[in-house]
C-alpha atoms as a PDB file:
ATOM      1  CA  MET A   1       0.053  -0.005   0.121  1.00  0.00           C
ATOM      2  CA  SER A   2       1.507   3.167  -1.114  1.00  0.00           C
ATOM      3  CA  VAL A   3       1.091   6.731   0.469  1.00  0.00           C
ATOM      4  CA  ARG A   4      -0.702   7.830  -2.722  1.00  0.00           C
ATOM      5  CA  ASP A   5      -3.497   5.447  -2.232  1.00  0.00           C
ATOM      6  CA  ASN A   6      -4.414   6.618   1.327  1.00  0.00           C
ATOM      7  CA  GLN A   7      -4.035  10.502   0.853  1.00  0.00           C
ATOM      8  CA  SER A   8      -5.920  12.398  -1.859  1.00  0.00           C
ATOM      9  CA  LEU A   9      -3.766  14.953  -3.661  1.00  0.00           C
ATOM     10  CA  PRO A  10      -4.805  18.640  -3.171  1.00  0.00           C
ATOM     11  CA  THR A  11      -6.543  19.917  -6.216  1.00  0.00           C
ATOM     12  CA  ARG A  12      -4.661  22.089  -8.605  1.00  0.00           C
ATOM     13  CA  GLY A  13      -7.353  23.792 -10.056  1.00  0.00           C
ATOM     14  CA  PHE A  14      -8.443  27.266  -9.580  1.00  0.00           C
ATOM     15  CA  ASP A  15     -11.784  28.216  -7.642  1.00  0.00           C
ATOM     16  CA  TRP A  16     -13.081  30.357 -10.555  1.00  0.00           C
ATOM     17  CA  PRO A  17     -16.172  31.389  -8.877  1.00  0.00           C
ATOM     18  CA  GLY A  18     -14.373  32.367  -5.615  1.00  0.00           C
ATOM     19  CA  ILE A  19     -11.970  34.656  -7.784  1.00  0.00           C
ATOM     20  CA  ALA A  20     -14.719  36.216  -9.493  1.00  0.00           C
ATOM     21  CA  ARG A  21     -16.551  37.126  -6.427  1.00  0.00           C
ATOM     22  CA  ILE A  22     -13.434  38.786  -5.010  1.00  0.00           C
ATOM     23  CA  ALA A  23     -12.925  40.750  -8.130  1.00  0.00           C
ATOM     24  CA  ILE A  24     -16.466  42.017  -8.148  1.00  0.00           C
ATOM     25  CA  LEU A  25     -16.301  42.873  -4.397  1.00  0.00           C
ATOM     26  CA  GLN A  26     -12.893  44.700  -4.953  1.00  0.00           C
ATOM     27  CA  ILE A  27     -14.622  46.707  -7.888  1.00  0.00           C
ATOM     28  CA  LEU A  28     -17.529  47.460  -5.913  1.00  0.00           C
ATOM     29  CA  VAL A  29     -15.465  48.944  -3.135  1.00  0.00           C
ATOM     30  CA  LEU A  30     -13.160  50.804  -5.537  1.00  0.00           C
ATOM     31  CA  LEU A  31     -16.329  52.233  -7.206  1.00  0.00           C
ATOM     32  CA  GLY A  32     -17.575  53.239  -3.837  1.00  0.00           C
ATOM     33  CA  LEU A  33     -14.528  55.132  -2.638  1.00  0.00           C
ATOM     34  CA  THR A  34     -14.392  56.848  -6.071  1.00  0.00           C
ATOM     35  CA  VAL A  35     -18.078  57.932  -5.734  1.00  0.00           C
ATOM     36  CA  ALA A  36     -17.234  59.148  -2.215  1.00  0.00           C
ATOM     37  CA  VAL A  37     -14.205  61.059  -3.157  1.00  0.00           C
ATOM     38  CA  VAL A  38     -16.122  62.769  -6.086  1.00  0.00           C
ATOM     39  CA  ARG A  39     -18.716  63.852  -3.785  1.00  0.00           C
ATOM     40  CA  TYR A  40     -16.405  65.120  -1.162  1.00  0.00           C
ATOM     41  CA  VAL A  41     -14.415  67.136  -3.852  1.00  0.00           C
ATOM     42  CA  SER A  42     -17.581  68.665  -5.043  1.00  0.00           C
ATOM     43  CA  TRP A  43     -18.867  69.540  -1.758  1.00  0.00           C
ATOM     44  CA  SER A  44     -15.824  71.154  -0.749  1.00  0.00           C
ATOM     45  CA  SER A  45     -15.342  73.172  -3.915  1.00  0.00           C
ATOM     46  CA  GLU A  46     -18.901  74.494  -3.442  1.00  0.00           C
ATOM     47  CA  ALA A  47     -18.419  75.549   0.160  1.00  0.00           C
ATOM     48  CA  ALA A  48     -15.014  77.132  -0.742  1.00  0.00           C
ATOM     49  CA  TRP A  49     -16.638  78.838  -3.758  1.00  0.00           C
ATOM     50  CA  GLU A  50     -19.376  80.232  -1.551  1.00  0.00           C
ATOM     51  CA  GLU A  51     -17.004  81.465   1.335  1.00  0.00           C
ATOM     52  CA  PHE A  52     -14.912  83.056  -1.509  1.00  0.00           C
ATOM     53  CA  SER A  53     -17.899  84.880  -3.217  1.00  0.00           C
ATOM     54  CA  GLY A  54     -19.390  85.645   0.003  1.00  0.00           C
ATOM     55  CA  ILE A  55     -22.879  84.098  -0.988  1.00  0.00           C
ATOM     56  CA  SER A  56     -23.346  82.669   2.264  1.00  0.00           C
ATOM     57  CA  LYS A  57     -24.679  84.995   4.650  1.00  0.00           C
ATOM     58  CA  PRO A  58     -24.410  84.761   8.710  1.00  0.00           C
ATOM     59  CA  SER A  59     -27.656  83.805  10.132  1.00  0.00           C
ATOM     60  CA  ALA A  60     -29.626  86.099  12.543  1.00  0.00           C
ATOM     61  CA  LEU A  61     -28.438  84.031  15.440  1.00  0.00           C
ATOM     62  CA  GLU A  62     -24.612  84.368  14.538  1.00  0.00           C
ATOM     63  CA  ALA A  63     -25.072  88.095  13.845  1.00  0.00           C
ATOM     64  CA  LYS A  64     -26.466  88.639  17.543  1.00  0.00           C
ATOM     65  CA  SER A  65     -23.998  86.516  19.443  1.00  0.00           C
ATOM     66  CA  HIS A  66     -20.979  87.931  17.636  1.00  0.00           C
ATOM     67  CA  PRO A  67     -21.181  91.619  17.383  1.00  0.00           C
ATOM     68  CA  ARG A  68     -19.418  93.038  14.392  1.00  0.00           C
ATOM     69  CA  SER A  69     -15.768  94.184  15.191  1.00  0.00           C
ATOM     70  CA  PRO A  70     -14.535  97.089  13.443  1.00  0.00           C
ATOM     71  CA  THR A  71     -12.065  96.482  10.453  1.00  0.00           C
ATOM     72  CA  ARG A  72      -8.690  97.474  10.362  1.00  0.00           C
ATOM     73  CA  SER A  73      -9.121 100.548   8.160  1.00  0.00           C
ATOM     74  CA  GLU A  74     -11.861 101.903  10.690  1.00  0.00           C
ATOM     75  CA  THR A  75      -9.644 101.327  13.472  1.00  0.00           C
ATOM     76  CA  VAL A  76      -6.924 103.337  12.012  1.00  0.00           C
ATOM     77  CA  LYS A  77      -9.301 106.098  11.214  1.00  0.00           C
ATOM     78  CA  ARG A  78     -10.545 106.205  14.518  1.00  0.00           C
ATOM     79  CA  GLY A  79      -7.486 105.790  16.258  1.00  0.00           C
ATOM     80  CA  GLY A  80      -5.452 108.910  14.973  1.00  0.00           C
ATOM     81  CA  ALA A  81      -1.627 108.928  14.384  1.00  0.00           C
ATOM     82  CA  CYS A  82       0.418 106.517  16.147  1.00  0.00           C
ATOM     83  CA  PRO A  83       3.220 108.151  18.256  1.00  0.00           C
ATOM     84  CA  ARG A  84       6.732 107.403  16.844  1.00  0.00           C
ATOM     85  CA  SER A  85       9.359 106.253  19.141  1.00  0.00           C
ATOM     86  CA  ALA A  86      13.029 107.131  18.537  1.00  0.00           C
END
């Protein structure tokens, strides 16, 4: 009795359905990540454009809680001349 008769040899074939399932899963994950990145870039671009162009106005609550501070030019105009130190 030889060893060959008692033990079955491992099959050397490929599990094609398993490989196909893994490939499809990888493609779906890659597609999902691509959609997420494209939506994030689109959202952040819109937010940056609104901030740049001043489209988004502060809400009434923000305006009441944060009183408007004078701008730099208004501070200089009200402050008068600065004394020079020698």
